[in-house]
């Protein structure tokens, strides 16, 4: 069992059996282990707690779906949920959330899922960063975070050309190209400083 101070109790579970039943391309996207949060802390039999219980169940389902676990039976087994209709409802609610996250256009659900997955990965990278003492690994972690932010901007359609066409008053604002160049320069300086620390 993995215990944390600020998060619900989780249990680390192997995904080896699940991956054997999947196509190789799909199985490659799933990590070898996933952290499954414990059951909701609210009692569904109490009317005042039922909605909170359902919200926590949806969150548990979304967490595993973001990590690539999509099949209803697999989700039910890992989360200990025995009600098929309830699971259908949880999956539908997660899909609806992703559609709203990704807007209502074509491929909205996939865009929303991608954004949620990036949020999860970035959160885990930031959480782990504080425990990394090796400056070289810190550099790699920060680089990965930067790449995630670029990918998120792409999923949201915020390419450099789009940002420059947002109708900004060029007389009073710095161009995106110059701002990006300044940001890249600062990033290179920071990376160089970390390298010097690592070698020194």
Protein backbone atom coordinates (compact mmCIF):
# COMPACT_ATOMS: atom_id res chain seq x y z
CA UNK A 1 0.00 0.00 0.00
CA UNK A 2 1.18 3.54 -0.81
CA UNK A 3 0.26 6.19 1.77
CA UNK A 4 0.33 9.93 1.13
CA UNK A 5 -0.47 12.84 3.44
CA UNK A 6 -2.72 14.87 1.15
CA UNK A 7 -4.32 12.21 -1.05
CA UNK A 8 -6.69 9.27 -0.54
CA UNK A 9 -5.13 5.90 0.23
CA UNK A 10 -4.14 4.03 -2.93
CA UNK A 11 -3.22 0.46 -3.83
CA UNK A 12 -0.68 -0.32 -6.55
CA UNK A 13 -2.01 -2.98 -8.93
CA UNK A 14 -0.25 -4.79 -11.78
CA UNK A 15 -1.81 -4.38 -15.25
CA UNK A 16 -0.03 -7.42 -16.76
CA UNK A 17 -3.19 -9.56 -17.01
CA UNK A 18 -5.18 -6.72 -18.54
CA UNK A 19 -2.51 -5.98 -21.13
CA UNK A 20 -2.48 -9.61 -22.29
CA UNK A 21 -6.09 -9.25 -23.46
CA UNK A 22 -5.43 -6.06 -25.44
CA UNK A 23 -3.93 -5.34 -28.86
CA UNK A 24 -0.21 -4.58 -28.55
CA UNK A 25 -0.60 -0.95 -29.60
CA UNK A 26 -3.24 -0.37 -26.93
CA UNK A 27 -1.36 -2.32 -24.25
CA UNK A 28 1.81 -0.27 -24.87
CA UNK A 29 0.02 2.86 -23.66
CA UNK A 30 -0.80 1.39 -20.24
CA UNK A 31 1.81 1.52 -17.46
CA UNK A 32 2.88 -1.78 -15.84
CA UNK A 33 1.30 -0.69 -12.55
CA UNK A 34 -1.51 1.70 -11.70
CA UNK A 35 -2.44 3.24 -8.37
CA UNK A 36 -6.07 2.45 -7.60
CA UNK A 37 -7.64 4.75 -5.00
CA UNK A 38 -9.55 3.17 -2.14
CA UNK A 39 -13.34 3.09 -2.03
CA UNK A 40 -15.27 6.36 -1.51
CA UNK A 41 -15.36 7.64 2.03
CA UNK A 42 -19.05 8.56 1.83
CA UNK A 43 -21.98 6.21 2.50
CA UNK A 44 -24.32 5.85 -0.52
CA UNK A 45 -27.13 4.68 1.78
CA UNK A 46 -27.32 8.11 3.41
CA UNK A 47 -29.31 10.50 1.26
CA UNK A 48 -27.16 13.50 2.21
CA UNK A 49 -23.97 11.65 1.20
CA UNK A 50 -25.15 9.81 -1.92
CA UNK A 51 -24.19 12.56 -4.40
CA UNK A 52 -20.72 12.87 -2.83
CA UNK A 53 -20.28 9.09 -3.03
CA UNK A 54 -21.18 9.14 -6.73
CA UNK A 55 -18.77 12.02 -7.39
CA UNK A 56 -15.92 10.09 -5.81
CA UNK A 57 -16.78 6.99 -7.84
CA UNK A 58 -16.71 9.02 -11.07
CA UNK A 59 -13.31 10.44 -10.04
CA UNK A 60 -11.95 6.90 -9.44
CA UNK A 61 -13.20 5.75 -12.84
CA UNK A 62 -11.78 8.82 -14.57
CA UNK A 63 -8.39 8.30 -12.95
CA UNK A 64 -8.10 4.77 -14.35
CA UNK A 65 -9.55 5.71 -17.75
CA UNK A 66 -6.95 8.47 -18.03
CA UNK A 67 -4.28 5.81 -17.47
CA UNK A 68 -5.66 3.70 -20.34
CA UNK A 69 -7.99 1.29 -18.52
CA UNK A 70 -11.20 1.55 -20.58
CA UNK A 71 -13.01 -1.78 -20.58
CA UNK A 72 -16.00 -1.85 -18.29
CA UNK A 73 -15.17 -5.27 -16.83
CA UNK A 74 -11.59 -4.26 -16.06
CA UNK A 75 -12.72 -1.06 -14.39
CA UNK A 76 -15.28 -2.92 -12.30
CA UNK A 77 -12.73 -5.51 -11.17
CA UNK A 78 -10.05 -2.98 -10.25
CA UNK A 79 -12.45 -0.62 -8.45
CA UNK A 80 -14.58 -3.31 -6.81
CA UNK A 81 -17.78 -2.02 -8.42
CA UNK A 82 -20.41 -4.72 -9.01
CA UNK A 83 -23.29 -2.69 -10.46
CA UNK A 84 -23.13 -2.75 -14.30
CA UNK A 85 -25.64 0.06 -14.72
CA UNK A 86 -23.77 2.26 -12.26
CA UNK A 87 -20.50 1.62 -14.12
CA UNK A 88 -22.14 2.54 -17.44
CA UNK A 89 -23.26 5.79 -15.82
CA UNK A 90 -19.77 6.54 -14.43
CA UNK A 91 -18.12 5.93 -17.82
CA UNK A 92 -20.72 8.13 -19.55
CA UNK A 93 -20.11 10.93 -17.05
CA UNK A 94 -16.34 10.74 -17.60
CA UNK A 95 -16.87 10.89 -21.38
CA UNK A 96 -19.19 13.87 -20.94
CA UNK A 97 -16.52 15.68 -18.88
CA UNK A 98 -13.92 15.05 -21.56
CA UNK A 99 -16.26 16.33 -24.26
CA UNK A 100 -16.69 19.60 -22.33
CA UNK A 101 -12.93 19.87 -21.70
CA UNK A 102 -12.22 19.46 -25.40
CA UNK A 103 -15.09 21.67 -26.64
CA UNK A 104 -18.09 20.39 -28.58
CA UNK A 105 -16.41 20.04 -31.99
CA UNK A 106 -15.39 16.82 -33.76
CA UNK A 107 -12.93 14.70 -31.75
CA UNK A 108 -13.94 16.62 -28.65
CA UNK A 109 -13.83 13.59 -26.38
CA UNK A 110 -10.34 12.62 -27.55
CA UNK A 111 -9.08 16.19 -27.10
CA UNK A 112 -10.60 16.40 -23.64
CA UNK A 113 -9.12 13.02 -22.70
CA UNK A 114 -5.73 14.16 -23.95
CA UNK A 115 -5.88 17.35 -21.90
CA UNK A 116 -6.85 15.42 -18.77
CA UNK A 117 -4.05 12.92 -19.35
CA UNK A 118 -1.51 15.75 -19.74
CA UNK A 119 -2.78 17.33 -16.50
CA UNK A 120 -2.30 14.02 -14.68
CA UNK A 121 1.21 13.47 -16.06
CA UNK A 122 2.27 17.04 -15.30
CA UNK A 123 0.90 16.82 -11.77
CA UNK A 124 2.85 13.62 -11.11
CA UNK A 125 6.04 15.13 -12.56
CA UNK A 126 5.72 18.22 -10.35
CA UNK A 127 5.02 16.02 -7.30
CA UNK A 128 8.11 13.93 -7.94
CA UNK A 129 10.36 16.90 -8.69
CA UNK A 130 10.72 17.82 -5.04
CA UNK A 131 12.22 14.41 -4.24
CA UNK A 132 14.83 14.49 -7.02
CA UNK A 133 18.31 15.48 -5.86
CA UNK A 134 20.29 14.67 -9.02
CA UNK A 135 20.41 17.95 -11.03
CA UNK A 136 20.59 16.05 -14.34
CA UNK A 137 17.34 14.23 -13.61
CA UNK A 138 15.79 17.53 -12.48
CA UNK A 139 16.71 19.05 -15.85
CA UNK A 140 15.12 16.13 -17.68
CA UNK A 141 11.97 16.40 -15.55
CA UNK A 142 11.65 20.15 -16.13
CA UNK A 143 12.22 19.60 -19.86
CA UNK A 144 9.44 17.01 -19.88
CA UNK A 145 7.10 19.47 -18.11
CA UNK A 146 7.91 22.15 -20.70
CA UNK A 147 7.14 19.71 -23.53
CA UNK A 148 3.82 18.82 -21.88
CA UNK A 149 2.88 22.51 -21.77
CA UNK A 150 3.68 22.86 -25.47
CA UNK A 151 1.56 19.79 -26.23
CA UNK A 152 -1.34 21.19 -24.17
CA UNK A 153 -1.18 24.45 -26.13
CA UNK A 154 -1.28 22.45 -29.37
CA UNK A 155 -4.35 20.49 -28.24
CA UNK A 156 -6.03 23.79 -27.41
CA UNK A 157 -5.12 25.17 -30.84
CA UNK A 158 -2.72 27.78 -29.43
CA UNK A 159 -0.01 27.65 -32.07
CA UNK A 160 2.31 30.68 -32.44
CA UNK A 161 0.44 31.84 -35.56
CA UNK A 162 -2.95 31.57 -33.83
CA UNK A 163 -1.73 33.56 -30.83
CA UNK A 164 -0.36 36.31 -33.09
CA UNK A 165 -3.78 36.53 -34.81
CA UNK A 166 -5.78 36.96 -31.58
CA UNK A 167 -6.26 40.66 -32.29
CA UNK A 168 -3.68 41.97 -29.85
CA UNK A 169 -2.82 45.66 -30.02
CA UNK A 170 0.70 45.44 -31.45
CA UNK A 171 1.45 49.02 -30.41
CA UNK A 172 1.06 48.15 -26.74
CA UNK A 173 2.12 44.51 -26.60
CA UNK A 174 5.26 42.56 -27.33
CA UNK A 175 4.95 40.20 -30.29
CA UNK A 176 4.53 36.53 -29.50
CA UNK A 177 7.69 35.70 -31.48
CA UNK A 178 9.81 38.04 -29.34
CA UNK A 179 8.19 36.84 -26.11
CA UNK A 180 8.83 33.24 -27.12
CA UNK A 181 12.46 34.04 -27.98
CA UNK A 182 12.91 35.70 -24.57
CA UNK A 183 11.34 32.68 -22.86
CA UNK A 184 13.61 30.28 -24.77
CA UNK A 185 16.67 32.36 -23.82
CA UNK A 186 15.75 32.27 -20.12
CA UNK A 187 15.09 28.52 -20.36
CA UNK A 188 18.52 27.93 -21.92
CA UNK A 189 20.22 29.99 -19.20
CA UNK A 190 18.38 28.08 -16.46
CA UNK A 191 19.28 24.74 -18.05
CA UNK A 192 22.93 25.80 -18.33
CA UNK A 193 23.00 26.84 -14.67
CA UNK A 194 21.59 23.47 -13.64
CA UNK A 195 24.23 21.74 -15.77
CA UNK A 196 26.99 23.71 -14.07
CA UNK A 197 25.58 22.72 -10.68
CA UNK A 198 25.45 19.09 -11.78
CA UNK A 199 29.08 19.13 -12.95
CA UNK A 200 30.43 21.26 -10.15
